[in-house]
């Protein structure tokens, strides 16, 4: 059994900051890729940022320069530091973790989501 539990969401004014955390527990010792997705009402889920076990990082263009993703491999935890938040960042943020993403045995795990609301 694998669980991903997010924390750190909340309501913040535009220009403010939040830090999201996602702690993984269960039978998986480590994940090849961990990242964050978000989904606003009426919109499709989109990738925000992802980081590999070796530290390679991809960001969505909309958050480059404002968000920073990091992970602690020893703790199986991924973080998302969000600065200079904008109202358009408002969404439910989901933690994601993948094993063997380039094979037919790939598995995809999701957290339950944490709400981030940015007021204007």
Protein backbone atom coordinates (compact mmCIF):
# COMPACT_ATOMS: atom_id res chain seq x y z
CA UNK A 1 0.00 0.00 0.00
CA UNK A 2 1.34 3.43 -1.03
CA UNK A 3 0.06 6.75 0.23
CA UNK A 4 0.97 10.29 -0.78
CA UNK A 5 -0.17 12.97 1.65
CA UNK A 6 -0.01 16.65 0.73
CA UNK A 7 0.06 19.55 3.14
CA UNK A 8 0.66 23.29 3.07
CA UNK A 9 -2.22 24.57 1.00
CA UNK A 10 -4.34 27.50 2.04
CA UNK A 11 -5.57 30.96 1.19
CA UNK A 12 -3.05 33.67 0.43
CA UNK A 13 -3.10 37.12 -1.12
CA UNK A 14 -1.55 37.78 -4.50
CA UNK A 15 2.18 38.20 -4.14
CA UNK A 16 2.36 35.90 -1.16
CA UNK A 17 4.06 32.55 -0.71
CA UNK A 18 3.19 28.99 0.25
CA UNK A 19 5.20 25.81 0.54
CA UNK A 20 3.58 22.50 -0.28
CA UNK A 21 4.89 19.21 1.04
CA UNK A 22 4.12 15.67 -0.04
CA UNK A 23 5.22 12.73 2.06
CA UNK A 24 5.14 9.24 0.62
CA UNK A 25 4.76 6.13 2.72
CA UNK A 26 4.14 2.45 2.14
CA UNK A 27 5.79 -0.33 0.21
CA UNK A 28 7.71 1.77 -2.35
CA UNK A 29 11.20 2.62 -1.18
CA UNK A 30 11.84 5.33 -3.76
CA UNK A 31 10.25 6.91 -6.81
CA UNK A 32 11.92 7.71 -10.12
CA UNK A 33 9.91 10.89 -10.61
CA UNK A 34 7.96 13.02 -8.17
CA UNK A 35 6.06 16.14 -9.02
CA UNK A 36 3.10 18.43 -8.70
CA UNK A 37 0.03 18.83 -10.87
CA UNK A 38 -2.82 21.26 -10.45
CA UNK A 39 -6.42 21.43 -11.57
CA UNK A 40 -8.69 24.44 -11.47
CA UNK A 41 -12.48 24.08 -11.71
CA UNK A 42 -13.54 23.50 -15.30
CA UNK A 43 -9.96 23.02 -16.50
CA UNK A 44 -7.86 19.97 -17.18
CA UNK A 45 -5.10 18.85 -14.87
CA UNK A 46 -1.70 20.27 -15.79
CA UNK A 47 1.86 19.56 -14.79
CA UNK A 48 3.36 22.25 -12.59
CA UNK A 49 6.80 20.82 -11.86
CA UNK A 50 8.55 17.47 -11.73
CA UNK A 51 11.87 16.25 -10.43
CA UNK A 52 13.70 12.99 -11.02
CA UNK A 53 15.61 10.99 -8.46
CA UNK A 54 18.81 12.45 -9.89
CA UNK A 55 17.60 16.03 -9.62
CA UNK A 56 16.52 16.84 -13.18
CA UNK A 57 13.68 19.37 -13.08
CA UNK A 58 10.97 20.55 -15.45
CA UNK A 59 8.65 23.50 -14.79
CA UNK A 60 5.55 24.70 -16.52
CA UNK A 61 6.25 27.97 -18.32
CA UNK A 62 3.64 29.71 -16.22
CA UNK A 63 5.54 29.12 -12.96
CA UNK A 64 9.17 29.45 -14.05
CA UNK A 65 11.01 31.92 -11.87
CA UNK A 66 8.36 31.79 -9.16
CA UNK A 67 8.11 28.15 -8.05
CA UNK A 68 10.87 25.83 -6.89
CA UNK A 69 10.56 22.07 -6.63
CA UNK A 70 12.85 19.96 -4.47
CA UNK A 71 12.90 16.49 -2.98
CA UNK A 72 14.45 14.67 -0.08
CA UNK A 73 15.14 11.17 -1.34
CA UNK A 74 15.87 9.82 2.12
CA UNK A 75 12.41 10.88 3.28
CA UNK A 76 10.53 10.21 0.02
CA UNK A 77 9.22 13.74 0.26
CA UNK A 78 8.78 16.38 -2.43
CA UNK A 79 8.27 20.10 -1.87
CA UNK A 80 6.97 22.98 -3.91
CA UNK A 81 7.96 26.47 -2.83
CA UNK A 82 5.54 28.92 -4.42
CA UNK A 83 6.46 32.60 -4.43
CA UNK A 84 4.86 35.63 -6.06
CA UNK A 85 1.55 33.82 -6.22
CA UNK A 86 -1.06 35.01 -8.68
CA UNK A 87 -4.84 34.49 -8.73
CA UNK A 88 -4.42 32.21 -11.74
CA UNK A 89 -2.43 29.84 -9.53
CA UNK A 90 -5.64 29.00 -7.69
CA UNK A 91 -6.26 25.27 -8.02
CA UNK A 92 -6.19 21.95 -6.26
CA UNK A 93 -2.58 20.81 -6.22
CA UNK A 94 -1.88 17.09 -6.46
CA UNK A 95 1.28 15.27 -5.58
CA UNK A 96 2.36 12.64 -8.08
CA UNK A 97 4.95 9.91 -7.94
CA UNK A 98 6.02 7.47 -10.63
CA UNK A 99 8.05 4.30 -10.76
CA UNK A 100 9.72 3.04 -13.94
CA UNK A 101 8.05 5.71 -16.12
CA UNK A 102 9.74 4.49 -19.32
CA UNK A 103 8.57 0.90 -19.09
CA UNK A 104 5.34 -1.04 -19.43
CA UNK A 105 5.52 -1.68 -15.68
CA UNK A 106 5.22 2.00 -14.87
CA UNK A 107 3.02 2.85 -11.91
CA UNK A 108 1.50 6.20 -11.08
CA UNK A 109 0.50 7.31 -7.57
CA UNK A 110 -1.51 10.35 -6.55
CA UNK A 111 -2.23 12.26 -3.40
CA UNK A 112 -5.69 13.45 -2.47
CA UNK A 113 -4.96 17.08 -3.32
CA UNK A 114 -4.58 20.29 -1.36
CA UNK A 115 -6.41 23.51 -2.15
CA UNK A 116 -4.44 26.65 -2.96
CA UNK A 117 -6.47 29.84 -3.26
CA UNK A 118 -4.87 33.15 -4.22
CA UNK A 119 -6.99 36.24 -3.74
CA UNK A 120 -6.62 39.38 -5.83
